[in-house]
Amino acid sequence: MSKLVVSEFVSVDGVMEDPGGGESYERGGWAFRFERSPDGDRYKYDELMAAGAMLLGRVTYEGFAQAWPKMESDDFGRKMNTMPKYVYSSTLRSADWTNSTILTGDLGERVAELKDSVEGDLLVAGSAQLAQGLAALGLVDEYRLMVYPVLLGAGKRLFDGTSAPATLRATDVRPVGDAGVAVLTYVPA
């Protein structure tokens, strides 16, 4: 059975919107202002290699499907392009990126089916609305937050709209590089 992992780039004030700057958010591109170091790159590499599949929301899927097919020159890019990708959406009509499947219907049922069938972690990246829905249903097994030392003051936050308090337990805290970037790993308590 797979572990569902929500892995996000976030600011210190919890904003996860447009870390790479490709979504036309006025404060986007904030993650590229910091060097996450070879340690941070290795962390993301190991995380992706441990994943058996990705679960994405429509907006993140569309952005990834536009960018990643052009990046196949290394193991990371090849894995992104060949691994199974599931996009949960009620509006997407086609998913043409290699090994992509559209999921509809009950989110809890679809995720349970995926967790039973995927070998390796089921990795959620970006996908704010999906990540929030998974959290609300208690389906997240682990949060991996790469926290950047910036306060954005506005933007989509990972835990916006949380309907009830939830306690998390830290399982790992590590700095990556000298720029103040840290990876925080939590599991539901």
Protein backbone atom coordinates (compact mmCIF):
# COMPACT_ATOMS: atom_id res chain seq x y z
CA MET A 1 0.00 0.00 0.00
CA SER A 2 1.30 3.42 -0.97
CA LYS A 3 1.88 6.34 1.33
CA LEU A 4 0.20 9.57 0.17
CA VAL A 5 2.79 12.35 0.43
CA VAL A 6 1.96 16.04 -0.03
CA SER A 7 5.22 17.75 -1.00
CA GLU A 8 5.18 21.52 -1.32
CA PHE A 9 7.39 24.56 -1.66
CA VAL A 10 6.06 27.08 0.86
CA SER A 11 7.01 30.50 2.19
CA VAL A 12 7.46 31.01 5.92
CA ASP A 13 3.92 32.46 6.01
CA GLY A 14 2.53 29.34 4.34
CA VAL A 15 2.04 30.57 0.77
CA MET A 16 2.46 27.84 -1.83
CA GLU A 17 1.27 29.76 -4.89
CA ASP A 18 3.49 29.94 -7.94
CA PRO A 19 6.94 29.22 -6.46
CA GLY A 20 8.40 28.93 -9.96
CA GLY A 21 6.84 32.03 -11.48
CA GLY A 22 4.97 30.36 -14.33
CA GLU A 23 1.42 31.11 -13.21
CA SER A 24 1.30 34.92 -13.62
CA TYR A 25 0.85 35.44 -9.87
CA GLU A 26 2.26 38.92 -9.12
CA ARG A 27 4.45 37.54 -6.32
CA GLY A 28 5.40 34.36 -8.18
CA GLY A 29 8.90 33.03 -8.72
CA TRP A 30 9.88 33.40 -5.09
CA ALA A 31 11.55 29.99 -4.79
CA PHE A 32 14.13 30.86 -7.44
CA ARG A 33 15.46 33.74 -5.36
CA PHE A 34 17.10 31.22 -3.01
CA GLU A 35 19.74 28.55 -3.53
CA ARG A 36 18.40 25.32 -2.09
CA SER A 37 21.85 23.75 -2.60
CA PRO A 38 22.93 20.31 -3.81
CA ASP A 39 21.43 18.92 -0.57
CA GLY A 40 18.02 20.32 -1.50
CA ASP A 41 18.35 19.06 -5.05
CA ARG A 42 19.31 15.60 -3.75
CA TYR A 43 16.31 15.63 -1.40
CA LYS A 44 13.91 16.36 -4.29
CA TYR A 45 15.66 13.77 -6.48
CA ASP A 46 15.38 11.04 -3.83
CA GLU A 47 11.76 11.99 -3.18
CA LEU A 48 10.84 11.64 -6.85
CA MET A 49 12.74 8.38 -7.28
CA ALA A 50 10.84 6.89 -4.30
CA ALA A 51 7.50 7.82 -5.85
CA GLY A 52 5.51 5.27 -7.77
CA ALA A 53 3.08 7.83 -9.17
CA MET A 54 2.01 11.45 -8.97
CA LEU A 55 -1.47 12.68 -8.07
CA LEU A 56 -2.12 16.20 -9.32
CA GLY A 57 -4.91 18.72 -9.60
CA ARG A 58 -5.81 20.14 -12.99
CA VAL A 59 -3.95 23.46 -12.74
CA THR A 60 -0.67 21.89 -11.63
CA TYR A 61 -1.07 19.08 -14.14
CA GLU A 62 -1.51 21.52 -17.01
CA GLY A 63 1.58 23.48 -15.96
CA PHE A 64 3.68 20.35 -15.53
CA ALA A 65 2.42 18.85 -18.81
CA GLN A 66 3.50 21.99 -20.63
CA ALA A 67 6.97 22.20 -19.05
CA TRP A 68 8.27 18.71 -18.28
CA PRO A 69 8.12 17.03 -21.71
CA LYS A 70 10.87 19.47 -22.79
CA MET A 71 13.12 18.34 -19.92
CA GLU A 72 14.30 14.77 -20.49
CA SER A 73 18.06 15.21 -20.37
CA ASP A 74 18.53 13.74 -16.87
CA ASP A 75 17.08 11.02 -14.62
CA PHE A 76 14.77 13.49 -12.86
CA GLY A 77 13.19 14.67 -16.11
CA ARG A 78 12.94 11.14 -17.50
CA LYS A 79 11.19 9.95 -14.32
CA MET A 80 8.76 12.90 -14.37
CA ASN A 81 7.86 12.13 -17.95
CA THR A 82 7.53 8.34 -17.71
CA MET A 83 6.00 7.73 -14.27
CA PRO A 84 2.24 7.26 -13.92
CA LYS A 85 0.42 10.53 -13.37
CA TYR A 86 -3.15 10.81 -12.13
CA VAL A 87 -4.99 14.10 -12.42
CA TYR A 88 -8.10 14.54 -10.32
CA SER A 89 -10.43 16.89 -12.17
CA SER A 90 -14.06 17.35 -13.09
CA THR A 91 -13.22 19.74 -15.94
CA LEU A 92 -10.18 18.29 -17.74
CA ARG A 93 -11.21 16.50 -20.92
CA SER A 94 -7.89 15.06 -22.07
CA ALA A 95 -4.57 14.25 -20.45
CA ASP A 96 -1.99 13.76 -23.18
CA TRP A 97 1.22 13.85 -21.14
CA THR A 98 2.78 10.38 -21.15
CA ASN A 99 1.21 7.91 -18.68
CA SER A 100 -1.51 10.32 -17.54
CA THR A 101 -4.96 9.28 -16.38
CA ILE A 102 -7.89 11.53 -15.45
CA LEU A 103 -9.69 10.61 -12.23
CA THR A 104 -13.23 11.72 -11.42
CA GLY A 105 -15.80 10.78 -8.83
CA ASP A 106 -15.37 10.41 -5.10
CA LEU A 107 -11.89 11.63 -4.09
CA GLY A 108 -11.65 9.27 -1.11
CA GLU A 109 -12.53 6.22 -3.20
CA ARG A 110 -10.14 7.15 -6.02
CA VAL A 111 -7.26 7.72 -3.58
CA ALA A 112 -7.95 4.43 -1.78
CA GLU A 113 -7.80 2.63 -5.14
CA LEU A 114 -4.52 4.34 -6.02
CA LYS A 115 -2.96 3.62 -2.64
CA ASP A 116 -3.80 -0.07 -3.13
CA SER A 117 -2.37 -0.22 -6.65
CA VAL A 118 0.69 2.06 -6.70
CA GLU A 119 4.13 0.74 -5.73
CA GLY A 120 6.08 3.47 -3.96
CA ASP A 121 4.87 6.82 -2.67
CA LEU A 122 1.87 8.55 -4.20
CA LEU A 123 3.28 12.06 -4.52
CA VAL A 124 1.17 15.24 -4.60
CA ALA A 125 3.00 18.41 -5.67
CA GLY A 126 1.45 21.85 -6.00
CA SER A 127 -2.26 21.23 -6.50
CA ALA A 128 -3.51 23.50 -3.69
CA GLN A 129 -7.19 22.64 -3.96
CA LEU A 130 -6.49 18.91 -4.22
CA ALA A 131 -4.04 18.96 -1.28
CA GLN A 132 -6.61 20.80 0.83
CA GLY A 133 -9.30 18.26 -0.12
CA LEU A 134 -7.02 15.36 0.74
CA ALA A 135 -6.20 16.94 4.11
CA ALA A 136 -9.87 17.56 4.88
CA LEU A 137 -10.61 13.88 4.25
CA GLY A 138 -7.70 12.76 6.44
CA LEU A 139 -5.99 11.05 3.50
CA VAL A 140 -2.52 12.60 3.80
CA ASP A 141 0.05 10.24 5.32
CA GLU A 142 2.95 12.71 5.25
CA TYR A 143 3.63 16.38 4.55
CA ARG A 144 7.04 17.38 3.18
CA LEU A 145 7.39 21.14 3.20
CA MET A 146 10.42 22.83 1.66
CA VAL A 147 10.19 26.15 3.47
CA TYR A 148 11.78 29.22 1.87
CA PRO A 149 12.83 32.21 4.01
CA VAL A 150 10.42 34.71 2.55
CA LEU A 151 7.17 36.32 3.69
CA LEU A 152 4.79 36.89 0.80
CA GLY A 153 1.82 38.27 2.71
CA ALA A 154 -0.75 37.01 0.20
CA GLY A 155 -1.42 34.04 -2.03
CA LYS A 156 -2.81 30.54 -1.85
CA ARG A 157 -1.86 28.85 1.37
CA LEU A 158 -1.58 25.11 1.83
CA PHE A 159 -3.82 25.06 4.88
CA ASP A 160 -6.36 27.74 3.88
CA GLY A 161 -9.89 26.80 4.78
CA THR A 162 -8.95 24.06 7.22
CA SER A 163 -12.27 23.14 8.78
CA ALA A 164 -10.96 21.65 12.03
CA PRO A 165 -7.76 21.83 14.03
CA ALA A 166 -5.27 19.05 13.34
CA THR A 167 -2.13 18.08 15.17
CA LEU A 168 0.98 17.08 13.27
CA ARG A 169 4.13 15.37 14.52
CA ALA A 170 7.52 16.40 13.10
CA THR A 171 9.52 13.42 11.87
CA ASP A 172 12.39 15.31 10.24
CA VAL A 173 13.70 18.86 10.19
CA ARG A 174 16.72 19.68 8.06
CA PRO A 175 18.32 22.74 6.57
CA VAL A 176 19.33 22.45 2.93
CA GLY A 177 22.12 24.81 1.99
CA ASP A 178 23.10 28.13 3.52
CA ALA A 179 20.25 30.31 2.19
CA GLY A 180 17.84 29.46 5.01
CA VAL A 181 15.78 26.86 3.13
CA ALA A 182 14.62 24.00 5.35
CA VAL A 183 12.68 20.77 4.79
CA LEU A 184 10.07 20.02 7.44
CA THR A 185 8.44 16.59 7.43
CA TYR A 186 5.23 15.98 9.36
CA VAL A 187 2.80 13.13 9.82
CA PRO A 188 -0.69 13.34 11.32
CA ALA A 189 -0.41 12.82 15.09
